[in-house]
Amino acid sequence: MTREEAWELLTEYNQDEFHLLHAQTVENTMRYFARELGFADEEDFWGIVGLLHDLDFEKYPEEHCIKSQEIMKERGIDEKIIHATASHGYAWMDTGRSDSENN
């Protein structure tokens, strides 16, 4: 997934200026820490994770980190991105998967 594709997906589900700015702030923070912590080769991955981490929050706040997984799976997005974006949420493990699948 490219940054442009991630932005297009984000703006499909988020229009509020605050949410878009927050997503960009987290994207840039994730990119910074990827570089600082020796993962510069994964900077784009972590930037996309930061950009999409609240994909579902504006439209589905009660299903935060659950609905985003459904949306991304339906679009064939890499499971690593799905897992990483959902893992920041308190409800991310409530996916119907076993504990071994969540790790």
Foldseek 3Di string as FASTA:
>chain_A
DFPVVLVVLLCVQDDDPVLQVQLQVQLVVQLVVCVVVVNNVCSRLSSSLSNCLQSNCVPCVVCTLAVSLVVCVVVVHDPVSSLSSSVVDPCNVVHPDDPVVND
